[in-house]
C-alpha atoms as a PDB file:
ATOM      1  CA  MET A   1      56.164   6.840  45.917  1.00  0.00           C
ATOM      2  CA  THR A   2      53.557   4.190  45.658  1.00  0.00           C
ATOM      3  CA  ILE A   3      54.661   2.050  42.688  1.00  0.00           C
ATOM      4  CA  LEU A   4      57.423  -0.506  42.864  1.00  0.00           C
ATOM      5  CA  CYS A   5      59.240  -2.046  39.838  1.00  0.00           C
ATOM      6  CA  VAL A   6      60.779  -5.272  41.012  1.00  0.00           C
ATOM      7  CA  ARG A   7      63.274  -7.288  39.012  1.00  0.00           C
ATOM      8  CA  PHE A   8      64.131 -10.704  40.477  1.00  0.00           C
ATOM      9  CA  GLN A   9      67.633 -11.946  39.747  1.00  0.00           C
ATOM     10  CA  LEU A  10      66.360 -15.241  38.254  1.00  0.00           C
ATOM     11  CA  PRO A  11      68.680 -17.366  35.937  1.00  0.00           C
ATOM     12  CA  PRO A  12      66.896 -18.771  32.961  1.00  0.00           C
ATOM     13  CA  THR A  13      66.912 -22.210  34.642  1.00  0.00           C
ATOM     14  CA  ARG A  14      64.680 -20.841  37.400  1.00  0.00           C
ATOM     15  CA  GLU A  15      62.187 -18.918  35.365  1.00  0.00           C
ATOM     16  CA  ALA A  16      59.419 -21.247  36.600  1.00  0.00           C
ATOM     17  CA  ASP A  17      59.802 -19.544  40.054  1.00  0.00           C
ATOM     18  CA  LEU A  18      58.329 -16.238  38.756  1.00  0.00           C
ATOM     19  CA  PRO A  19      54.639 -17.096  39.376  1.00  0.00           C
ATOM     20  CA  ARG A  20      55.559 -17.932  42.981  1.00  0.00           C
ATOM     21  CA  LEU A  21      57.361 -14.721  43.414  1.00  0.00           C
ATOM     22  CA  LEU A  22      54.387 -12.849  41.967  1.00  0.00           C
ATOM     23  CA  GLY A  23      52.264 -14.669  44.500  1.00  0.00           C
ATOM     24  CA  MET A  24      54.580 -13.341  47.212  1.00  0.00           C
ATOM     25  CA  LEU A  25      54.085  -9.795  45.980  1.00  0.00           C
ATOM     26  CA  GLU A  26      50.261 -10.405  45.978  1.00  0.00           C
ATOM     27  CA  GLU A  27      50.486 -10.988  49.729  1.00  0.00           C
ATOM     28  CA  PHE A  28      51.182  -7.208  49.920  1.00  0.00           C
ATOM     29  CA  THR A  29      48.857  -5.951  47.236  1.00  0.00           C
ATOM     30  CA  PRO A  30      46.446  -7.502  44.642  1.00  0.00           C
ATOM     31  CA  VAL A  31      47.440  -4.936  42.088  1.00  0.00           C
ATOM     32  CA  VAL A  32      50.566  -6.833  40.583  1.00  0.00           C
ATOM     33  CA  GLN A  33      51.484  -6.738  36.921  1.00  0.00           C
ATOM     34  CA  ALA A  34      53.854  -9.419  35.565  1.00  0.00           C
ATOM     35  CA  LEU A  35      56.764  -8.201  33.467  1.00  0.00           C
ATOM     36  CA  PRO A  36      58.230 -11.485  32.093  1.00  0.00           C
ATOM     37  CA  PRO A  37      60.755 -12.958  32.262  1.00  0.00           C
ATOM     38  CA  ASP A  38      61.892 -11.743  35.711  1.00  0.00           C
ATOM     39  CA  GLY A  39      60.014  -8.612  36.771  1.00  0.00           C
ATOM     40  CA  ALA A  40      56.826  -7.115  38.039  1.00  0.00           C
ATOM     41  CA  LEU A  41      55.037  -3.808  38.897  1.00  0.00           C
ATOM     42  CA  ALA A  42      53.210  -3.551  42.262  1.00  0.00           C
ATOM     43  CA  ASP A  43      50.878  -0.708  43.300  1.00  0.00           C
ATOM     44  CA  LEU A  44      51.191  -0.166  47.088  1.00  0.00           C
ATOM     45  CA  ARG A  45      48.709   2.554  47.653  1.00  0.00           C
ATOM     46  CA  GLY A  46      46.429   0.295  49.560  1.00  0.00           C
ATOM     47  CA  ALA A  47      49.241  -1.624  51.243  1.00  0.00           C
ATOM     48  CA  GLU A  48      50.761   1.611  52.677  1.00  0.00           C
ATOM     49  CA  ARG A  49      47.531   2.258  54.582  1.00  0.00           C
ATOM     50  CA  TYR A  50      46.965  -1.393  55.557  1.00  0.00           C
ATOM     51  CA  PHE A  51      50.468  -1.987  56.862  1.00  0.00           C
ATOM     52  CA  GLY A  52      51.192   1.401  58.169  1.00  0.00           C
ATOM     53  CA  ARG A  53      54.551   1.503  56.247  1.00  0.00           C
ATOM     54  CA  ASN A  54      55.663   3.506  53.321  1.00  0.00           C
ATOM     55  CA  ALA A  55      56.718   2.034  49.959  1.00  0.00           C
ATOM     56  CA  LEU A  56      60.376   1.992  50.740  1.00  0.00           C
ATOM     57  CA  GLU A  57      59.896   0.087  54.038  1.00  0.00           C
ATOM     58  CA  LEU A  58      57.655  -2.436  52.240  1.00  0.00           C
ATOM     59  CA  ALA A  59      60.303  -2.796  49.477  1.00  0.00           C
ATOM     60  CA  SER A  60      62.751  -3.846  52.238  1.00  0.00           C
ATOM     61  CA  VAL A  61      60.333  -6.420  53.549  1.00  0.00           C
ATOM     62  CA  ILE A  62      59.774  -7.821  49.997  1.00  0.00           C
ATOM     63  CA  ARG A  63      63.465  -8.142  49.357  1.00  0.00           C
ATOM     64  CA  VAL A  64      64.028 -10.034  52.721  1.00  0.00           C
ATOM     65  CA  ARG A  65      61.067 -12.305  52.092  1.00  0.00           C
ATOM     66  CA  SER A  66      62.199 -13.073  48.489  1.00  0.00           C
ATOM     67  CA  LEU A  67      65.672 -14.047  49.791  1.00  0.00           C
ATOM     68  CA  ALA A  68      64.316 -16.024  52.832  1.00  0.00           C
ATOM     69  CA  LEU A  69      61.630 -17.998  51.076  1.00  0.00           C
ATOM     70  CA  TYR A  70      63.108 -18.517  47.621  1.00  0.00           C
ATOM     71  CA  GLY A  71      66.764 -17.606  47.743  1.00  0.00           C
ATOM     72  CA  VAL A  72      66.297 -14.933  45.105  1.00  0.00           C
ATOM     73  CA  ASP A  73      67.660 -11.449  45.388  1.00  0.00           C
ATOM     74  CA  CYS A  74      66.051  -8.524  43.557  1.00  0.00           C
ATOM     75  CA  VAL A  75      66.470  -4.974  42.576  1.00  0.00           C
ATOM     76  CA  ILE A  76      63.718  -2.394  43.171  1.00  0.00           C
ATOM     77  CA  GLY A  77      62.908   0.980  41.738  1.00  0.00           C
ATOM     78  CA  ALA A  78      60.113   3.034  43.315  1.00  0.00           C
ATOM     79  CA  GLY A  79      58.223   6.091  42.001  1.00  0.00           C
ATOM     80  CA  PRO A  80      54.868   7.922  41.899  1.00  0.00           C
ATOM     81  CA  GLY A  81      53.958   6.028  38.696  1.00  0.00           C
ATOM     82  CA  PRO A  82      54.881   2.882  36.684  1.00  0.00           C
ATOM     83  CA  MET A  83      57.092   4.644  34.145  1.00  0.00           C
ATOM     84  CA  LEU A  84      59.091   6.499  36.810  1.00  0.00           C
ATOM     85  CA  ALA A  85      59.519   3.320  38.872  1.00  0.00           C
ATOM     86  CA  ARG A  86      60.902   1.492  35.765  1.00  0.00           C
ATOM     87  CA  VAL A  87      63.336   4.347  35.081  1.00  0.00           C
ATOM     88  CA  ALA A  88      64.418   4.200  38.804  1.00  0.00           C
ATOM     89  CA  LEU A  89      65.065   0.468  38.440  1.00  0.00           C
ATOM     90  CA  ARG A  90      67.969   1.135  36.101  1.00  0.00           C
ATOM     91  CA  ASP A  91      69.876   2.746  38.960  1.00  0.00           C
ATOM     92  CA  ALA A  92      68.898   0.279  41.623  1.00  0.00           C
ATOM     93  CA  VAL A  93      71.340  -2.251  43.206  1.00  0.00           C
ATOM     94  CA  PRO A  94      70.576  -5.251  45.378  1.00  0.00           C
ATOM     95  CA  GLY A  95      69.943  -4.110  48.928  1.00  0.00           C
ATOM     96  CA  VAL A  96      69.269  -0.401  48.059  1.00  0.00           C
ATOM     97  CA  THR A  97      65.946   0.783  46.595  1.00  0.00           C
ATOM     98  CA  CYS A  98      66.194   3.515  44.078  1.00  0.00           C
ATOM     99  CA  ALA A  99      63.454   5.974  44.530  1.00  0.00           C
ATOM    100  CA  VAL A 100      62.077   8.875  42.429  1.00  0.00           C
ATOM    101  CA  PRO A 101      60.748  11.726  44.638  1.00  0.00           C
ATOM    102  CA  GLU A 102      57.104  12.908  44.226  1.00  0.00           C
ATOM    103  CA  GLU A 103      57.843  16.656  43.856  1.00  0.00           C
ATOM    104  CA  ARG A 104      57.738  17.920  40.309  1.00  0.00           C
ATOM    105  CA  ASP A 105      61.031  19.787  40.486  1.00  0.00           C
ATOM    106  CA  ALA A 106      62.729  16.682  42.017  1.00  0.00           C
ATOM    107  CA  ILE A 107      61.297  14.476  39.264  1.00  0.00           C
ATOM    108  CA  ALA A 108      62.709  16.836  36.533  1.00  0.00           C
ATOM    109  CA  GLU A 109      66.143  16.789  38.278  1.00  0.00           C
ATOM    110  CA  PHE A 110      66.043  12.977  38.561  1.00  0.00           C
ATOM    111  CA  LEU A 111      65.326  12.511  34.815  1.00  0.00           C
ATOM    112  CA  ALA A 112      67.488  15.355  33.422  1.00  0.00           C
ATOM    113  CA  ASP A 113      70.791  13.519  32.880  1.00  0.00           C
ATOM    114  CA  LYS A 114      69.274  10.187  31.956  1.00  0.00           C
ATOM    115  CA  PRO A 115      69.684   8.918  28.387  1.00  0.00           C
ATOM    116  CA  VAL A 116      66.626   8.968  26.182  1.00  0.00           C
ATOM    117  CA  ALA A 117      66.718   5.139  26.000  1.00  0.00           C
ATOM    118  CA  ALA A 118      66.075   4.995  29.710  1.00  0.00           C
ATOM    119  CA  LEU A 119      62.413   5.580  29.091  1.00  0.00           C
ATOM    120  CA  PRO A 120      60.364   2.442  28.651  1.00  0.00           C
ATOM    121  CA  GLY A 121      59.258   2.180  24.972  1.00  0.00           C
ATOM    122  CA  VAL A 122      62.041   4.152  23.494  1.00  0.00           C
ATOM    123  CA  GLY A 123      64.034   1.851  21.244  1.00  0.00           C
ATOM    124  CA  ALA A 124      67.551   2.151  19.713  1.00  0.00           C
ATOM    125  CA  ALA A 125      66.135   3.622  16.418  1.00  0.00           C
ATOM    126  CA  THR A 126      64.286   6.472  18.155  1.00  0.00           C
ATOM    127  CA  ALA A 127      67.178   7.190  20.434  1.00  0.00           C
ATOM    128  CA  ARG A 128      69.550   7.445  17.462  1.00  0.00           C
ATOM    129  CA  THR A 129      67.133   9.859  15.533  1.00  0.00           C
ATOM    130  CA  LEU A 130      66.950  12.116  18.559  1.00  0.00           C
ATOM    131  CA  GLY A 131      70.658  11.863  19.214  1.00  0.00           C
ATOM    132  CA  ASP A 132      71.345  13.080  15.732  1.00  0.00           C
ATOM    133  CA  TYR A 133      69.736  16.312  16.644  1.00  0.00           C
ATOM    134  CA  GLY A 134      71.513  16.652  20.004  1.00  0.00           C
ATOM    135  CA  LEU A 135      68.501  15.441  22.076  1.00  0.00           C
ATOM    136  CA  ASP A 136      70.444  12.670  23.760  1.00  0.00           C
ATOM    137  CA  THR A 137      69.220  13.279  27.394  1.00  0.00           C
ATOM    138  CA  LEU A 138      65.777  13.545  28.866  1.00  0.00           C
ATOM    139  CA  GLY A 139      66.513  17.036  30.061  1.00  0.00           C
ATOM    140  CA  ARG A 140      67.230  18.177  26.565  1.00  0.00           C
ATOM    141  CA  VAL A 141      64.057  16.454  25.250  1.00  0.00           C
ATOM    142  CA  ALA A 142      61.998  18.078  28.005  1.00  0.00           C
ATOM    143  CA  ALA A 143      63.394  21.501  26.933  1.00  0.00           C
ATOM    144  CA  ALA A 144      62.702  20.955  23.296  1.00  0.00           C
ATOM    145  CA  PRO A 145      59.590  22.295  21.672  1.00  0.00           C
ATOM    146  CA  LEU A 146      56.846  19.786  21.288  1.00  0.00           C
ATOM    147  CA  SER A 147      56.465  20.533  17.565  1.00  0.00           C
ATOM    148  CA  THR A 148      60.155  19.592  17.076  1.00  0.00           C
ATOM    149  CA  LEU A 149      59.707  16.258  18.694  1.00  0.00           C
ATOM    150  CA  GLN A 150      56.591  15.602  16.585  1.00  0.00           C
ATOM    151  CA  ARG A 151      58.344  16.417  13.419  1.00  0.00           C
ATOM    152  CA  LEU A 152      61.233  13.976  14.306  1.00  0.00           C
ATOM    153  CA  ILE A 153      59.290  10.888  15.504  1.00  0.00           C
ATOM    154  CA  GLY A 154      55.649  11.509  14.794  1.00  0.00           C
ATOM    155  CA  ALA A 155      52.702  13.281  16.354  1.00  0.00           C
ATOM    156  CA  LYS A 156      51.580  10.693  18.923  1.00  0.00           C
ATOM    157  CA  ALA A 157      55.080   9.400  19.756  1.00  0.00           C
ATOM    158  CA  GLY A 158      56.325  12.921  20.034  1.00  0.00           C
ATOM    159  CA  ARG A 159      53.684  13.990  22.507  1.00  0.00           C
ATOM    160  CA  GLU A 160      54.162  10.808  24.641  1.00  0.00           C
ATOM    161  CA  LEU A 161      57.920  11.311  24.762  1.00  0.00           C
ATOM    162  CA  TYR A 162      57.545  15.010  25.610  1.00  0.00           C
ATOM    163  CA  GLU A 163      55.225  14.198  28.496  1.00  0.00           C
ATOM    164  CA  LYS A 164      57.351  11.375  29.852  1.00  0.00           C
ATOM    165  CA  ALA A 165      60.495  13.507  29.644  1.00  0.00           C
ATOM    166  CA  ASN A 166      58.731  16.118  31.685  1.00  0.00           C
ATOM    167  CA  GLY A 167      57.849  13.454  34.354  1.00  0.00           C
ATOM    168  CA  VAL A 168      54.198  13.083  33.367  1.00  0.00           C
ATOM    169  CA  ASP A 169      53.363   9.450  34.119  1.00  0.00           C
ATOM    170  CA  ARG A 170      49.857   8.500  32.907  1.00  0.00           C
ATOM    171  CA  GLY A 171      50.486   4.749  33.204  1.00  0.00           C
ATOM    172  CA  ARG A 172      48.832   2.443  35.764  1.00  0.00           C
ATOM    173  CA  VAL A 173      49.494  -1.101  36.999  1.00  0.00           C
ATOM    174  CA  VAL A 174      47.236  -3.639  35.280  1.00  0.00           C
ATOM    175  CA  PRO A 175      46.964  -6.908  37.074  1.00  0.00           C
ATOM    176  CA  ASN A 176      47.658  -9.886  35.038  1.00  0.00           C
ATOM    177  CA  ALA A 177      48.910 -13.458  35.117  1.00  0.00           C
ATOM    178  CA  VAL A 178      52.329 -14.493  34.020  1.00  0.00           C
ATOM    179  CA  SER A 179      52.207 -16.274  30.675  1.00  0.00           C
ATOM    180  CA  ARG A 180      53.169 -19.860  30.438  1.00  0.00           C
ATOM    181  CA  SER A 181      56.415 -19.780  28.645  1.00  0.00           C
ATOM    182  CA  LEU A 182      59.752 -21.138  27.928  1.00  0.00           C
ATOM    183  CA  ALA A 183      62.946 -18.937  27.653  1.00  0.00           C
ATOM    184  CA  THR A 184      66.548 -19.289  26.864  1.00  0.00           C
ATOM    185  CA  GLU A 185      69.353 -16.725  26.979  1.00  0.00           C
ATOM    186  CA  ARG A 186      72.497 -16.321  24.948  1.00  0.00           C
ATOM    187  CA  PRO A 187      75.035 -14.097  26.778  1.00  0.00           C
ATOM    188  CA  PHE A 188      78.169 -12.927  25.025  1.00  0.00           C
ATOM    189  CA  GLY A 189      81.561 -13.123  26.684  1.00  0.00           C
ATOM    190  CA  ARG A 190      82.079  -9.467  25.895  1.00  0.00           C
ATOM    191  CA  ASP A 191      79.864  -6.784  24.450  1.00  0.00           C
ATOM    192  CA  GLU A 192      79.162  -8.020  20.962  1.00  0.00           C
ATOM    193  CA  LEU A 193      79.069  -5.694  17.901  1.00  0.00           C
ATOM    194  CA  ASP A 194      78.974  -8.271  15.131  1.00  0.00           C
ATOM    195  CA  PRO A 195      75.424  -8.743  13.600  1.00  0.00           C
ATOM    196  CA  ASP A 196      76.488 -12.161  12.303  1.00  0.00           C
ATOM    197  CA  ARG A 197      77.118 -13.330  15.946  1.00  0.00           C
ATOM    198  CA  HIS A 198      73.803 -11.870  16.976  1.00  0.00           C
ATOM    199  CA  ARG A 199      72.070 -13.909  14.330  1.00  0.00           C
ATOM    200  CA  ARG A 200      74.022 -17.024  15.274  1.00  0.00           C
ATOM    201  CA  ALA A 201      72.837 -16.511  18.780  1.00  0.00           C
ATOM    202  CA  LEU A 202      69.263 -16.228  17.637  1.00  0.00           C
ATOM    203  CA  LEU A 203      69.547 -19.324  15.606  1.00  0.00           C
ATOM    204  CA  SER A 204      70.979 -21.258  18.547  1.00  0.00           C
ATOM    205  CA  ALA A 205      68.254 -20.010  20.816  1.00  0.00           C
ATOM    206  CA  ALA A 206      65.413 -20.715  18.395  1.00  0.00           C
ATOM    207  CA  GLU A 207      66.789 -24.242  17.895  1.00  0.00           C
ATOM    208  CA  GLU A 208      66.787 -24.790  21.656  1.00  0.00           C
ATOM    209  CA  ILE A 209      63.365 -23.468  22.124  1.00  0.00           C
ATOM    210  CA  GLY A 210      61.876 -25.599  19.353  1.00  0.00           C
ATOM    211  CA  ALA A 211      63.580 -28.724  20.701  1.00  0.00           C
ATOM    212  CA  ARG A 212      62.251 -28.133  24.178  1.00  0.00           C
ATOM    213  CA  LEU A 213      58.776 -27.402  22.968  1.00  0.00           C
ATOM    214  CA  ARG A 214      58.773 -30.642  20.912  1.00  0.00           C
ATOM    215  CA  ALA A 215      60.099 -32.604  23.894  1.00  0.00           C
ATOM    216  CA  LEU A 216      57.269 -31.243  25.961  1.00  0.00           C
ATOM    217  CA  GLU A 217      54.774 -31.759  23.137  1.00  0.00           C
ATOM    218  CA  LYS A 218      53.863 -28.080  23.165  1.00  0.00           C
ATOM    219  CA  VAL A 219      53.532 -25.363  20.592  1.00  0.00           C
ATOM    220  CA  CYS A 220      53.760 -21.600  21.098  1.00  0.00           C
ATOM    221  CA  ARG A 221      51.590 -18.817  19.837  1.00  0.00           C
ATOM    222  CA  THR A 222      53.923 -15.858  20.499  1.00  0.00           C
ATOM    223  CA  LEU A 223      57.731 -15.344  20.399  1.00  0.00           C
ATOM    224  CA  THR A 224      59.399 -12.519  22.339  1.00  0.00           C
ATOM    225  CA  LEU A 225      62.894 -11.243  21.753  1.00  0.00           C
ATOM    226  CA  THR A 226      64.796  -9.248  24.408  1.00  0.00           C
ATOM    227  CA  VAL A 227      68.125  -7.670  23.505  1.00  0.00           C
ATOM    228  CA  ARG A 228      70.242  -6.345  26.531  1.00  0.00           C
ATOM    229  CA  TYR A 229      72.878  -3.721  25.778  1.00  0.00           C
ATOM    230  CA  ALA A 230      76.136  -2.779  27.399  1.00  0.00           C
ATOM    231  CA  ASP A 231      74.571   0.199  29.232  1.00  0.00           C
ATOM    232  CA  ARG A 232      72.121  -2.278  30.981  1.00  0.00           C
ATOM    233  CA  SER A 233      69.179  -1.071  28.961  1.00  0.00           C
ATOM    234  CA  ALA A 234      67.026  -3.542  26.866  1.00  0.00           C
ATOM    235  CA  THR A 235      64.681  -3.697  23.963  1.00  0.00           C
ATOM    236  CA  THR A 236      61.854  -6.223  23.864  1.00  0.00           C
ATOM    237  CA  ARG A 237      59.653  -7.116  20.953  1.00  0.00           C
ATOM    238  CA  SER A 238      56.921  -9.712  20.527  1.00  0.00           C
ATOM    239  CA  ARG A 239      55.468 -11.256  17.465  1.00  0.00           C
ATOM    240  CA  ARG A 240      52.318 -13.448  17.205  1.00  0.00           C
ATOM    241  CA  LEU A 241      53.029 -16.307  14.948  1.00  0.00           C
ATOM    242  CA  ASN A 242      50.842 -17.155  11.978  1.00  0.00           C
ATOM    243  CA  GLU A 243      50.004 -20.447  13.611  1.00  0.00           C
ATOM    244  CA  PRO A 244      51.002 -22.138  16.884  1.00  0.00           C
ATOM    245  CA  THR A 245      54.258 -24.030  16.205  1.00  0.00           C
ATOM    246  CA  ALA A 246      57.238 -25.793  17.594  1.00  0.00           C
ATOM    247  CA  HIS A 247      58.976 -25.908  14.216  1.00  0.00           C
ATOM    248  CA  SER A 248      62.468 -24.559  14.647  1.00  0.00           C
ATOM    249  CA  PRO A 249      62.687 -22.889  11.151  1.00  0.00           C
ATOM    250  CA  ASP A 250      59.383 -21.029  11.833  1.00  0.00           C
ATOM    251  CA  LEU A 251      60.707 -19.774  15.154  1.00  0.00           C
ATOM    252  CA  THR A 252      64.077 -18.830  13.612  1.00  0.00           C
ATOM    253  CA  ARG A 253      62.385 -16.753  10.833  1.00  0.00           C
ATOM    254  CA  ALA A 254      60.265 -14.960  13.441  1.00  0.00           C
ATOM    255  CA  ALA A 255      63.268 -14.236  15.607  1.00  0.00           C
ATOM    256  CA  TYR A 256      65.307 -12.897  12.616  1.00  0.00           C
ATOM    257  CA  GLY A 257      62.328 -10.751  11.620  1.00  0.00           C
ATOM    258  CA  MET A 258      62.085  -9.060  15.015  1.00  0.00           C
ATOM    259  CA  TYR A 259      65.876  -8.608  15.154  1.00  0.00           C
ATOM    260  CA  GLU A 260      65.946  -7.003  11.751  1.00  0.00           C
ATOM    261  CA  ALA A 261      63.010  -4.751  12.644  1.00  0.00           C
ATOM    262  CA  LEU A 262      65.091  -3.226  15.436  1.00  0.00           C
ATOM    263  CA  GLY A 263      67.503  -1.760  12.995  1.00  0.00           C
ATOM    264  CA  LEU A 264      70.520  -2.095  15.250  1.00  0.00           C
ATOM    265  CA  GLN A 265      73.691  -0.500  13.961  1.00  0.00           C
ATOM    266  CA  ARG A 266      76.956  -1.092  15.850  1.00  0.00           C
ATOM    267  CA  ALA A 267      74.934  -1.888  18.939  1.00  0.00           C
ATOM    268  CA  ARG A 268      76.895  -3.349  21.793  1.00  0.00           C
ATOM    269  CA  VAL A 269      74.868  -6.320  22.746  1.00  0.00           C
ATOM    270  CA  ARG A 270      75.433  -8.069  26.092  1.00  0.00           C
ATOM    271  CA  ALA A 271      72.886 -10.872  25.799  1.00  0.00           C
ATOM    272  CA  ILE A 272      69.908 -12.061  23.703  1.00  0.00           C
ATOM    273  CA  THR A 273      66.965 -13.799  25.279  1.00  0.00           C
ATOM    274  CA  LEU A 274      64.231 -15.595  23.232  1.00  0.00           C
ATOM    275  CA  ARG A 275      60.901 -16.554  24.992  1.00  0.00           C
ATOM    276  CA  ALA A 276      58.157 -18.751  23.658  1.00  0.00           C
ATOM    277  CA  GLU A 277      54.697 -17.688  25.151  1.00  0.00           C
ATOM    278  CA  GLY A 278      51.212 -18.911  25.010  1.00  0.00           C
ATOM    279  CA  LEU A 279      52.045 -22.584  25.213  1.00  0.00           C
ATOM    280  CA  ASP A 280      49.349 -25.056  24.198  1.00  0.00           C
ATOM    281  CA  PRO A 281      49.287 -28.906  23.833  1.00  0.00           C
ATOM    282  CA  ALA A 282      50.668 -29.836  20.368  1.00  0.00           C
ATOM    283  CA  ASP A 283      47.814 -32.311  19.668  1.00  0.00           C
ATOM    284  CA  GLN A 284      45.372 -29.452  20.040  1.00  0.00           C
ATOM    285  CA  ALA A 285      47.062 -27.159  17.515  1.00  0.00           C
ATOM    286  CA  SER A 286      46.122 -26.904  13.954  1.00  0.00           C
ATOM    287  CA  HIS A 287      48.654 -26.886  11.148  1.00  0.00           C
ATOM    288  CA  GLN A 288      48.021 -25.522   7.665  1.00  0.00           C
ATOM    289  CA  LEU A 289      48.851 -28.233   5.214  1.00  0.00           C
ATOM    290  CA  THR A 290      51.045 -27.347   2.252  1.00  0.00           C
ATOM    291  CA  PHE A 291      52.011 -29.147  -0.950  1.00  0.00           C
ATOM    292  CA  ASP A 292      55.644 -28.077  -0.518  1.00  0.00           C
ATOM    293  CA  PRO A 293      57.717 -31.357  -0.390  1.00  0.00           C
ATOM    294  CA  VAL A 294      60.633 -29.343   0.952  1.00  0.00           C
ATOM    295  CA  ASP A 295      58.705 -28.302   4.049  1.00  0.00           C
ATOM    296  CA  GLU A 296      57.506 -31.916   4.663  1.00  0.00           C
ATOM    297  CA  LYS A 297      61.203 -33.137   4.203  1.00  0.00           C
ATOM    298  CA  VAL A 298      62.522 -30.565   6.709  1.00  0.00           C
ATOM    299  CA  ARG A 299      59.899 -31.579   9.310  1.00  0.00           C
ATOM    300  CA  ARG A 300      60.890 -35.245   8.926  1.00  0.00           C
ATOM    301  CA  ILE A 301      64.473 -34.413   9.349  1.00  0.00           C
ATOM    302  CA  GLU A 302      63.635 -32.422  12.391  1.00  0.00           C
ATOM    303  CA  GLU A 303      61.967 -35.539  13.931  1.00  0.00           C
ATOM    304  CA  VAL A 304      65.059 -37.630  13.164  1.00  0.00           C
ATOM    305  CA  ALA A 305      67.301 -35.018  14.695  1.00  0.00           C
ATOM    306  CA  ASP A 306      65.138 -34.904  17.850  1.00  0.00           C
ATOM    307  CA  ARG A 307      65.566 -38.646  18.205  1.00  0.00           C
ATOM    308  CA  ALA A 308      69.381 -38.324  17.767  1.00  0.00           C
ATOM    309  CA  ARG A 309      69.529 -35.609  20.403  1.00  0.00           C
ATOM    310  CA  ALA A 310      67.461 -37.639  22.882  1.00  0.00           C
ATOM    311  CA  LYS A 311      69.866 -40.556  22.481  1.00  0.00           C
ATOM    312  CA  PHE A 312      73.303 -38.854  22.084  1.00  0.00           C
ATOM    313  CA  GLY A 313      72.836 -35.443  23.665  1.00  0.00           C
ATOM    314  CA  PRO A 314      71.605 -31.963  22.703  1.00  0.00           C
ATOM    315  CA  ARG A 315      74.644 -31.138  20.575  1.00  0.00           C
ATOM    316  CA  ALA A 316      74.435 -34.334  18.520  1.00  0.00           C
ATOM    317  CA  VAL A 317      72.744 -32.516  15.712  1.00  0.00           C
ATOM    318  CA  MET A 318      73.049 -28.884  15.100  1.00  0.00           C
ATOM    319  CA  PRO A 319      72.246 -26.420  12.190  1.00  0.00           C
ATOM    320  CA  GLY A 320      75.169 -25.909   9.824  1.00  0.00           C
ATOM    321  CA  GLY A 321      75.181 -22.279  10.674  1.00  0.00           C
ATOM    322  CA  LEU A 322      76.287 -23.112  14.221  1.00  0.00           C
ATOM    323  CA  GLY A 323      79.221 -25.290  13.096  1.00  0.00           C
ATOM    324  CA  GLY A 324      82.754 -24.221  12.313  1.00  0.00           C
ATOM    325  CA  PRO A 325      85.461 -22.568  14.432  1.00  0.00           C
ATOM    326  CA  GLY A 326      83.341 -19.659  15.539  1.00  0.00           C
ATOM    327  CA  ARG A 327      80.431 -21.704  16.849  1.00  0.00           C
ATOM    328  CA  LEU A 328      78.593 -20.624  19.926  1.00  0.00           C
ATOM    329  CA  ALA A 329      79.194 -22.253  23.273  1.00  0.00           C
ATOM    330  CA  ALA A 330      76.271 -24.039  24.853  1.00  0.00           C
END
């Protein structure tokens, strides 16, 4: 086991601590890949030789150092490859590292009873398609003919799924830098099935992100949506915007588009997180001028609303879709 997948238990208000936590991981190995908003992959092959400790022992040191220096606990999965480490993370709890053995038979046994959605990159739509044919666990997928999987989800996706279900992990940790970003989360009091409430949460999150960007005089180039489900799995989608913006209606349209593309049906959603990435100064961003008087009017209203919020509080002005008796809590 040479790869760790670490998820720091960071509340949204402390997301700015992630770069420092990544720096702490880089004290053990330079091969660290950020997984915003709260995670990272770390390749410890060189660290095991240098420190004379195995990956599980180093994981314990990382957890203690995170708590001691930053007051942040973490959960850690370990495996011989990035994909297996991320699957192991699903079963990890604070204080105990979940590890996938390196032996092929042991890997197959570890994966056999896991749901298909446990694999990184397998979304709800793919899991539903496979489930309709009784392929609801990785063990059943691994035992299915490759040709069957390719007919169901496509040639390339079918082969990748077949290999992953059989424990073949071709991934690698690619060092990168965490993106400059802003994020906000909308948790539900109970697992939420209602798509209308999902969309209201998205509207609320996009409005907050837009207001925060404008207050900082920033624009974003990319919007990322993360939907967390009742079984602790999550789906993440990103969309590059047509132009850098802090305009709330543009952010809302992009968020709705990503949500609709997921094709969720009766999904039990626990929380929705929206993240603005690739932040740039607003005065350096270009904006395509239009001759649409409605767009210009909306932008002027947005400026007035921002001034009202600055004077009377963030809830002084809200979209009509967030009003009424069923409105979301802040």
